[in-house]
């Protein structure tokens, strides 16, 4: 194989080209090799703080609800309520008691009709069954409490049934009992002894005979009565009668009871009104030994102790026309709510506060002079007041009630006018005619 020989010219040309290329490379700037970038980790997202709720202003506490409370402060009543009012801040939260104090109970009864008509009567009213509450219930100016009781813990079983029934008409309850009151028959033992009587009567027939004996032997009145609806009512009930809220005004039983009383005045001349004896009421006549017997009640206990501590007397259930059977009217004070009450629920809460066991016990500890309405305190009251011992729980629970016709005030006025006509103008009318006219005018 032949090898081609390179000429000088070709050799120099090749060397020149190589040198030029080297020179050109030497004149170029040096470039550092580019490193492959390391992968960068994606930074975790920064946690975002949950925005706090904007602070809201705390609403101011609700203003206490004012509940007006009407009562009269006679005797020791104001001292009793002062004790309860002092406990109200703790025992009655959210409610402020606004007392409406009447000068006397008569003032209260006189002002309430106008207040009811104007819608300004106190929300809560303290009164007793002798007030014309049946009329106000019929006029719907006081509320039935049956539904409102569901807002409370009041237990009606804590009271004698007759006391609750005394505030109830056709199943509707119109007051929560505060204190218990009852009727009774009063015997002046000194006057009876003066007449030679040592055994007390056990029937109304015996009452009439004893009255005759007292009149014959002593010249004193055998029976005294303060002529008003309450006292006449006792003789109606003694013969098995009752007004039954105006349904039975002229019943045979009512005729018999009223005739019995009229006969003691007119035929026997053994009965007197308290005014005929120169006294303000029957208790005064008994305390002055001017009469032997009267219908009455536990209010005699404090009165006799205060004004006639040396006069011997006895307080017992009332005889009836059935020998050996007795009765009392069980009634008393209670708390009602007017229809104009701005907040009936707050009003019933006030009634609940005034009706607790602590409030009932305070009747005794403050020496209020009333019998607590709750049965559990009856023994405590008797322990302090032994004169009340004959009025047992059994007697009181079976008591009759003051079932006056609705228009009580007008009914009483007409009844008394008729009674005075029968007694002081005999022969001008009869008992039957009087009760028939009353039935026609006030009956249901």
Protein backbone atom coordinates (compact mmCIF):
# COMPACT_ATOMS: atom_id res chain seq x y z
CA UNK A 1 0.00 0.00 0.00
CA UNK A 2 1.37 3.36 -0.94
CA UNK A 3 1.32 6.28 1.47
CA UNK A 4 0.57 9.70 0.02
CA UNK A 5 3.25 12.18 0.89
CA UNK A 6 2.12 15.63 2.10
CA UNK A 7 3.69 18.59 0.41
CA UNK A 8 5.33 21.37 2.32
CA UNK A 9 2.59 23.77 1.37
CA UNK A 10 -0.14 21.44 2.62
CA UNK A 11 1.78 20.82 5.84
CA UNK A 12 2.17 24.54 6.62
CA UNK A 13 -1.45 25.18 5.80
CA UNK A 14 -2.56 22.47 8.21
CA UNK A 15 -0.27 23.74 11.00
CA UNK A 16 -1.52 27.30 10.56
CA UNK A 17 -5.08 26.29 10.81
CA UNK A 18 -4.48 24.38 14.03
CA UNK A 19 -2.60 27.27 15.58
CA UNK A 20 -5.37 29.69 14.70
CA UNK A 21 -7.90 27.49 16.29
CA UNK A 22 -5.85 27.24 19.48
CA UNK A 23 -5.36 30.95 19.61
CA UNK A 24 -9.05 31.57 19.14
CA UNK A 25 -9.85 29.19 21.99
CA UNK A 26 -7.36 30.93 24.26
CA UNK A 27 -8.96 34.28 23.66
CA UNK A 28 -12.52 33.10 24.69
CA UNK A 29 -13.62 33.78 28.32
CA UNK A 30 -13.75 30.75 30.58
CA UNK A 31 -17.32 29.67 31.52
CA UNK A 32 -17.81 27.68 34.69
CA UNK A 33 -19.91 24.61 34.25
CA UNK A 34 -23.52 25.11 35.39
CA UNK A 35 -24.45 22.81 38.25
CA UNK A 36 -27.82 21.16 38.10
CA UNK A 37 -29.95 22.97 40.72
CA UNK A 38 -30.98 20.94 43.72
CA UNK A 39 -34.72 20.53 44.02
CA UNK A 40 -36.11 22.89 46.63
CA UNK A 41 -38.70 21.62 49.09
CA UNK A 42 -42.05 23.42 48.95
CA UNK A 43 -42.41 25.17 52.32
CA UNK A 44 -45.44 24.06 54.30
CA UNK A 45 -48.23 26.59 54.32
CA UNK A 46 -48.19 28.83 57.34
CA UNK A 47 -51.11 28.08 59.64
CA UNK A 48 -53.67 30.84 59.63
CA UNK A 49 -55.14 31.72 63.01
CA UNK A 50 -58.95 31.36 63.29
CA UNK A 51 -60.25 34.85 63.90
CA UNK A 52 -61.73 35.29 67.37
CA UNK A 53 -65.36 36.35 67.47
CA UNK A 54 -65.81 39.95 68.20
CA UNK A 55 -66.74 40.42 71.84
CA UNK A 56 -70.42 41.21 72.33
CA UNK A 57 -71.61 43.42 75.13
CA UNK A 58 -73.26 41.50 78.02
CA UNK A 59 -76.88 42.61 78.15
CA UNK A 60 -77.79 44.31 81.41
CA UNK A 61 -79.81 42.15 83.84
CA UNK A 62 -83.53 42.40 83.36
CA UNK A 63 -85.21 44.88 85.64
CA UNK A 64 -87.16 43.26 88.48
CA UNK A 65 -90.85 42.82 87.82
CA UNK A 66 -92.96 44.91 90.17
CA UNK A 67 -96.01 43.17 91.61
CA UNK A 68 -98.43 45.25 93.66
CA UNK A 69 -99.83 43.64 96.80
CA UNK A 70 -102.89 45.03 98.59
CA UNK A 71 -103.76 44.41 102.23
CA UNK A 72 -104.78 46.18 105.43
CA UNK A 73 -102.22 46.33 108.25
CA UNK A 74 -104.46 46.05 111.32
CA UNK A 75 -103.43 44.24 114.48
CA UNK A 76 -100.08 42.56 114.00
CA UNK A 77 -100.47 42.14 110.25
CA UNK A 78 -97.88 44.73 109.23
CA UNK A 79 -95.28 43.22 111.55
CA UNK A 80 -95.97 39.84 109.98
CA UNK A 81 -95.49 41.14 106.45
CA UNK A 82 -92.37 43.04 107.45
CA UNK A 83 -90.84 39.67 108.33
CA UNK A 84 -91.81 38.20 104.96
CA UNK A 85 -90.76 41.25 102.95
CA UNK A 86 -87.30 41.06 104.53
CA UNK A 87 -86.94 37.56 103.07
CA UNK A 88 -88.14 38.53 99.60
CA UNK A 89 -84.74 39.50 98.16
CA UNK A 90 -83.56 35.90 98.57
CA UNK A 91 -86.85 34.05 98.32
CA UNK A 92 -88.38 35.96 95.43
CA UNK A 93 -85.62 36.73 92.89
CA UNK A 94 -86.54 38.98 90.00
CA UNK A 95 -89.69 40.31 91.64
CA UNK A 96 -90.15 43.47 93.67
CA UNK A 97 -93.15 43.72 95.99
CA UNK A 98 -95.01 47.00 95.80
CA UNK A 99 -97.22 47.21 98.92
CA UNK A 100 -100.62 48.85 98.59
CA UNK A 101 -101.70 49.40 102.19
CA UNK A 102 -105.32 50.24 102.96
CA UNK A 103 -105.96 52.06 106.27
CA UNK A 104 -108.57 49.48 107.38
CA UNK A 105 -110.22 46.38 106.00
CA UNK A 106 -113.45 48.32 105.53
CA UNK A 107 -111.50 50.85 103.46
CA UNK A 108 -110.11 48.03 101.35
CA UNK A 109 -113.57 46.58 100.68
CA UNK A 110 -114.92 50.06 99.96
CA UNK A 111 -112.15 51.02 97.50
CA UNK A 112 -111.79 47.75 95.60
CA UNK A 113 -114.96 48.10 93.45
CA UNK A 114 -113.71 51.42 92.07
CA UNK A 115 -110.22 50.00 91.54
CA UNK A 116 -111.56 46.93 89.77
CA UNK A 117 -113.66 49.11 87.48
CA UNK A 118 -110.66 51.31 86.66
CA UNK A 119 -108.24 48.41 86.24
CA UNK A 120 -106.05 49.74 89.07
CA UNK A 121 -106.64 47.06 91.71
CA UNK A 122 -103.46 45.53 93.18
CA UNK A 123 -102.18 42.51 91.29
CA UNK A 124 -102.36 40.38 94.44
CA UNK A 125 -105.08 40.95 97.04
CA UNK A 126 -105.25 39.58 100.57
CA UNK A 127 -108.81 39.32 101.91
CA UNK A 128 -111.19 36.79 103.43
CA UNK A 129 -114.24 34.82 102.37
CA UNK A 130 -116.55 37.40 103.93
CA UNK A 131 -115.55 39.82 101.14
CA UNK A 132 -117.79 39.84 98.03
CA UNK A 133 -115.30 37.76 96.09
CA UNK A 134 -118.03 35.62 94.55
CA UNK A 135 -119.44 38.74 92.92
CA UNK A 136 -115.98 39.71 91.64
CA UNK A 137 -115.47 36.20 90.29
CA UNK A 138 -118.76 36.46 88.40
CA UNK A 139 -117.68 39.85 87.04
CA UNK A 140 -114.33 38.29 86.02
CA UNK A 141 -112.25 40.95 87.75
CA UNK A 142 -110.32 38.27 89.66
CA UNK A 143 -108.64 35.35 87.95
CA UNK A 144 -109.26 31.63 88.44
CA UNK A 145 -105.93 30.20 89.55
CA UNK A 146 -106.17 26.63 88.30
CA UNK A 147 -103.85 27.12 85.31
CA UNK A 148 -101.50 29.54 87.06
CA UNK A 149 -100.92 26.96 89.82
CA UNK A 150 -98.97 24.91 87.28
CA UNK A 151 -96.24 27.57 87.49
CA UNK A 152 -95.78 26.89 91.23
CA UNK A 153 -95.08 24.17 93.76
CA UNK A 154 -98.17 25.04 95.84
CA UNK A 155 -99.80 21.87 97.19
CA UNK A 156 -103.49 22.37 97.88
CA UNK A 157 -103.53 19.12 99.85
CA UNK A 158 -101.59 20.94 102.57
CA UNK A 159 -104.79 22.82 103.49
CA UNK A 160 -108.10 21.54 104.87
CA UNK A 161 -110.33 20.57 101.96
CA UNK A 162 -113.15 22.74 103.26
CA UNK A 163 -110.85 25.75 103.24
CA UNK A 164 -109.92 25.21 99.60
CA UNK A 165 -113.57 24.50 98.72
CA UNK A 166 -114.50 27.78 100.37
CA UNK A 167 -112.56 29.62 97.65
CA UNK A 168 -113.90 27.46 94.81
CA UNK A 169 -116.91 27.96 92.55
CA UNK A 170 -117.83 25.37 89.91
CA UNK A 171 -114.36 23.88 90.05
CA UNK A 172 -112.55 27.21 89.68
CA UNK A 173 -110.22 28.24 92.52
CA UNK A 174 -110.02 31.98 93.22
CA UNK A 175 -107.60 32.22 96.16
CA UNK A 176 -104.77 30.37 97.89
CA UNK A 177 -105.50 30.07 101.63
CA UNK A 178 -103.40 32.19 103.98
CA UNK A 179 -105.02 31.64 107.34
CA UNK A 180 -107.87 29.59 108.67
CA UNK A 181 -110.95 30.96 110.34
CA UNK A 182 -114.09 29.24 111.48
CA UNK A 183 -117.39 29.93 113.10
CA UNK A 184 -118.28 28.62 116.54
CA UNK A 185 -120.83 28.87 119.32
CA UNK A 186 -119.92 30.87 122.40
CA UNK A 187 -121.20 30.12 125.89
CA UNK A 188 -120.83 32.51 128.82
CA UNK A 189 -120.40 29.94 131.58
CA UNK A 190 -120.91 32.50 134.34
CA UNK A 191 -124.34 33.56 133.04
CA UNK A 192 -125.36 29.95 132.46
CA UNK A 193 -124.31 29.01 135.96
CA UNK A 194 -126.28 31.94 137.32
CA UNK A 195 -129.34 30.43 135.60
CA UNK A 196 -128.57 27.01 137.10
CA UNK A 197 -127.48 25.47 133.81
CA UNK A 198 -124.48 23.16 134.00
CA UNK A 199 -124.91 21.13 130.79
CA UNK A 200 -124.35 22.77 127.43
CA UNK A 201 -126.96 22.29 124.71
CA UNK A 202 -126.41 19.68 122.02
CA UNK A 203 -129.04 20.89 119.53
CA UNK A 204 -130.66 24.12 118.41
CA UNK A 205 -133.85 23.07 120.15
CA UNK A 206 -131.90 22.89 123.41
CA UNK A 207 -130.33 26.28 122.66
CA UNK A 208 -133.83 27.75 122.51
CA UNK A 209 -134.84 26.11 125.79
CA UNK A 210 -131.65 27.23 127.56
CA UNK A 211 -132.26 30.79 126.37
CA UNK A 212 -135.73 30.68 127.92
CA UNK A 213 -134.31 29.47 131.22
CA UNK A 214 -131.66 32.20 131.26
CA UNK A 215 -134.27 34.86 130.61
CA UNK A 216 -136.59 33.53 133.32
CA UNK A 217 -133.89 33.03 135.97
CA UNK A 218 -131.63 36.03 135.36
CA UNK A 219 -133.53 38.48 133.20
CA UNK A 220 -130.57 38.51 130.84
CA UNK A 221 -130.64 37.78 127.15
CA UNK A 222 -130.35 34.11 126.34
CA UNK A 223 -128.90 34.82 122.88
CA UNK A 224 -127.21 37.83 121.32
CA UNK A 225 -126.53 38.38 117.63
CA UNK A 226 -124.80 41.07 115.62
CA UNK A 227 -127.24 41.33 112.71
CA UNK A 228 -125.27 40.84 109.53
CA UNK A 229 -125.08 38.27 106.76
CA UNK A 230 -122.36 36.18 108.41
CA UNK A 231 -124.19 35.71 111.72
CA UNK A 232 -127.62 35.05 110.23
CA UNK A 233 -125.98 32.55 107.90
CA UNK A 234 -124.94 30.39 110.87
CA UNK A 235 -128.58 29.71 111.81
CA UNK A 236 -129.45 28.98 108.20
CA UNK A 237 -126.68 26.37 108.13
CA UNK A 238 -127.70 24.93 111.51
CA UNK A 239 -130.93 23.76 109.89
CA UNK A 240 -129.18 22.20 106.92
CA UNK A 241 -129.58 25.18 104.62
CA UNK A 242 -127.25 27.42 102.66
CA UNK A 243 -127.43 30.06 99.95
CA UNK A 244 -125.53 27.96 97.39
CA UNK A 245 -124.38 31.11 95.61
CA UNK A 246 -127.97 32.22 95.08
CA UNK A 247 -129.42 28.92 93.88
CA UNK A 248 -131.30 27.96 97.07
CA UNK A 249 -132.15 31.24 98.83
CA UNK A 250 -135.76 30.24 99.57
CA UNK A 251 -135.18 26.56 100.32
CA UNK A 252 -137.26 24.93 103.11
CA UNK A 253 -134.09 24.56 105.22
CA UNK A 254 -133.32 28.28 104.91
CA UNK A 255 -136.89 29.15 105.83
CA UNK A 256 -136.67 26.90 108.92
CA UNK A 257 -133.37 28.39 110.08
CA UNK A 258 -134.41 32.00 109.73
CA UNK A 259 -137.82 31.28 111.30
CA UNK A 260 -136.08 29.73 114.33
CA UNK A 261 -134.09 32.92 114.89
CA UNK A 262 -137.09 35.20 114.38
CA UNK A 263 -139.15 33.14 116.84
CA UNK A 264 -136.51 33.60 119.56
CA UNK A 265 -136.91 37.36 119.12
CA UNK A 266 -140.67 37.62 118.64
CA UNK A 267 -142.30 34.65 120.39
CA UNK A 268 -139.80 33.87 123.14
CA UNK A 269 -138.31 37.33 123.61
CA UNK A 270 -135.07 35.65 124.64
CA UNK A 271 -132.81 36.97 121.89
CA UNK A 272 -131.37 40.46 121.41
CA UNK A 273 -129.22 42.28 118.91
CA UNK A 274 -125.93 43.60 120.23
CA UNK A 275 -127.24 47.13 119.72
CA UNK A 276 -130.28 46.40 121.89
CA UNK A 277 -127.87 45.50 124.67
CA UNK A 278 -125.92 48.73 124.21
CA UNK A 279 -122.82 47.03 122.80
CA UNK A 280 -120.95 47.30 119.53
CA UNK A 281 -120.92 43.59 118.83
CA UNK A 282 -121.81 40.23 120.32
CA UNK A 283 -118.39 39.68 121.90
CA UNK A 284 -118.72 42.82 123.95
CA UNK A 285 -122.13 41.68 125.24
CA UNK A 286 -120.68 38.29 126.23
CA UNK A 287 -117.69 39.93 127.93
CA UNK A 288 -120.00 42.15 129.99
CA UNK A 289 -122.16 39.19 131.07
CA UNK A 290 -125.19 40.65 129.28
CA UNK A 291 -125.97 37.47 127.33
CA UNK A 292 -125.47 33.74 127.71
CA UNK A 293 -124.87 32.56 124.13
CA UNK A 294 -123.88 33.77 120.68
CA UNK A 295 -122.44 32.52 117.47
CA UNK A 296 -118.84 33.64 117.12
CA UNK A 297 -115.39 32.35 116.32
CA UNK A 298 -111.74 32.18 117.37
CA UNK A 299 -111.51 35.97 117.41
CA UNK A 300 -113.14 35.70 120.84
CA UNK A 301 -109.97 34.16 122.25
CA UNK A 302 -107.76 37.22 121.98
CA UNK A 303 -110.62 39.59 122.76
CA UNK A 304 -111.70 37.86 125.97
CA UNK A 305 -108.10 37.49 127.12
CA UNK A 306 -107.58 41.22 126.65
CA UNK A 307 -110.80 42.72 127.98
CA UNK A 308 -112.46 40.08 130.16
CA UNK A 309 -109.82 37.67 131.48
CA UNK A 310 -111.97 36.71 134.47
CA UNK A 311 -115.11 35.84 132.51
CA UNK A 312 -115.43 32.10 132.01
CA UNK A 313 -116.56 31.09 128.56
CA UNK A 314 -116.43 28.14 126.19
CA UNK A 315 -115.96 28.06 122.41
CA UNK A 316 -117.37 24.97 120.66
CA UNK A 317 -118.74 23.80 117.30
CA UNK A 318 -122.29 25.00 116.57
CA UNK A 319 -125.26 22.75 117.41
CA UNK A 320 -127.69 21.86 114.62
CA UNK A 321 -131.35 20.90 114.52
CA UNK A 322 -130.21 17.28 114.74
CA UNK A 323 -129.29 16.41 118.36
CA UNK A 324 -125.63 15.54 118.82
CA UNK A 325 -124.58 16.87 115.42
CA UNK A 326 -122.44 20.00 115.17
CA UNK A 327 -120.82 22.05 112.44
CA UNK A 328 -118.56 25.01 111.76
CA UNK A 329 -118.02 27.20 108.75
CA UNK A 330 -114.43 26.79 107.62
CA UNK A 331 -113.21 29.88 105.85
CA UNK A 332 -110.39 32.35 106.16
CA UNK A 333 -108.00 34.71 104.47
CA UNK A 334 -106.48 34.09 101.10
CA UNK A 335 -104.53 35.56 98.19
CA UNK A 336 -106.32 36.35 94.93
CA UNK A 337 -105.02 37.81 91.66
CA UNK A 338 -106.84 40.62 89.88
CA UNK A 339 -107.56 40.34 86.18
CA UNK A 340 -105.72 43.61 85.62
CA UNK A 341 -102.42 42.16 86.86
CA UNK A 342 -99.75 43.07 84.29
CA UNK A 343 -97.85 39.82 84.80
CA UNK A 344 -100.07 37.04 86.20
CA UNK A 345 -97.15 34.58 86.33
CA UNK A 346 -95.11 36.99 88.47
CA UNK A 347 -98.22 37.53 90.61
CA UNK A 348 -98.67 33.80 91.27
CA UNK A 349 -94.96 33.60 92.13
CA UNK A 350 -95.57 36.23 94.80
CA UNK A 351 -98.55 34.24 96.06
CA UNK A 352 -96.34 31.14 96.18
CA UNK A 353 -93.73 33.03 98.21
CA UNK A 354 -96.41 34.23 100.65
CA UNK A 355 -97.77 30.68 100.97
CA UNK A 356 -94.65 28.70 101.87
CA UNK A 357 -94.32 26.67 105.04
CA UNK A 358 -91.95 29.34 106.36
CA UNK A 359 -94.63 31.98 105.80
CA UNK A 360 -97.20 29.80 107.54
CA UNK A 361 -94.91 29.19 110.51
CA UNK A 362 -94.36 32.94 110.83
CA UNK A 363 -98.09 33.32 111.56
CA UNK A 364 -97.35 31.60 114.86
CA UNK A 365 -93.93 33.07 115.61
CA UNK A 366 -95.05 36.65 114.97
CA UNK A 367 -98.17 36.06 117.11
CA UNK A 368 -100.35 37.27 114.27
CA UNK A 369 -103.44 35.91 115.99
CA UNK A 370 -104.64 33.84 113.03
CA UNK A 371 -104.75 30.08 112.68
CA UNK A 372 -102.27 28.98 109.98
CA UNK A 373 -104.01 27.60 106.92
CA UNK A 374 -101.73 24.58 106.58
CA UNK A 375 -102.97 21.59 108.54
CA UNK A 376 -99.47 20.66 109.74
CA UNK A 377 -99.33 23.76 111.93
CA UNK A 378 -102.67 23.23 113.67
CA UNK A 379 -101.15 21.32 116.61
CA UNK A 380 -98.54 24.05 117.10
CA UNK A 381 -101.29 26.67 117.22
CA UNK A 382 -103.37 24.65 119.70
CA UNK A 383 -100.32 24.20 121.92
CA UNK A 384 -100.09 27.98 122.19
CA UNK A 385 -103.87 28.50 122.21
CA UNK A 386 -105.60 25.68 124.14
CA UNK A 387 -108.99 27.41 123.84
CA UNK A 388 -108.94 26.34 120.20
CA UNK A 389 -108.57 22.62 120.99
CA UNK A 390 -112.22 21.65 120.17
CA UNK A 391 -111.64 22.58 116.54
CA UNK A 392 -109.82 19.51 115.37
CA UNK A 393 -108.59 18.79 111.88
CA UNK A 394 -111.61 16.53 111.40
CA UNK A 395 -114.06 19.27 112.41
CA UNK A 396 -112.41 21.87 110.21
CA UNK A 397 -112.02 19.64 107.16
CA UNK A 398 -115.77 18.98 107.16
CA UNK A 399 -116.70 22.62 107.63
CA UNK A 400 -119.40 24.37 105.63
CA UNK A 401 -118.64 27.39 103.48
CA UNK A 402 -119.80 30.97 103.02
CA UNK A 403 -121.74 30.36 99.84
CA UNK A 404 -123.17 33.87 99.49
CA UNK A 405 -125.00 35.01 96.34
CA UNK A 406 -122.81 36.90 93.85
CA UNK A 407 -124.22 40.37 94.58
CA UNK A 408 -123.34 39.92 98.21
CA UNK A 409 -123.44 43.52 99.39
CA UNK A 410 -126.87 44.24 97.90
CA UNK A 411 -128.17 40.87 99.07
CA UNK A 412 -127.01 41.55 102.63
CA UNK A 413 -128.68 44.97 102.65
CA UNK A 414 -132.03 43.54 101.58
CA UNK A 415 -131.76 40.52 103.89
CA UNK A 416 -131.07 42.72 106.93
CA UNK A 417 -133.90 45.08 106.05
CA UNK A 418 -136.24 42.11 105.87
CA UNK A 419 -134.89 40.62 109.09
CA UNK A 420 -135.47 43.89 110.96
CA UNK A 421 -138.99 44.02 109.57
CA UNK A 422 -139.67 40.48 110.78
CA UNK A 423 -138.24 41.17 114.25
CA UNK A 424 -139.29 44.74 114.95
CA UNK A 425 -142.48 44.97 112.89
CA UNK A 426 -143.89 41.47 113.21
CA UNK A 427 -146.86 40.60 111.06
CA UNK A 428 -145.90 42.87 108.16
CA UNK A 429 -144.21 40.08 106.23
CA UNK A 430 -143.22 36.44 106.65
CA UNK A 431 -139.94 34.57 106.40
CA UNK A 432 -141.18 32.76 103.32
CA UNK A 433 -142.17 36.02 101.61
CA UNK A 434 -138.80 37.59 102.40
CA UNK A 435 -136.77 34.68 101.04
CA UNK A 436 -139.00 34.35 97.98
CA UNK A 437 -138.37 37.98 97.12
CA UNK A 438 -134.65 37.57 97.61
CA UNK A 439 -134.63 34.47 95.44
CA UNK A 440 -136.41 36.38 92.70
CA UNK A 441 -133.99 39.30 92.91
CA UNK A 442 -130.64 37.57 93.57
CA UNK A 443 -131.19 33.93 92.64
CA UNK A 444 -129.49 32.05 89.86
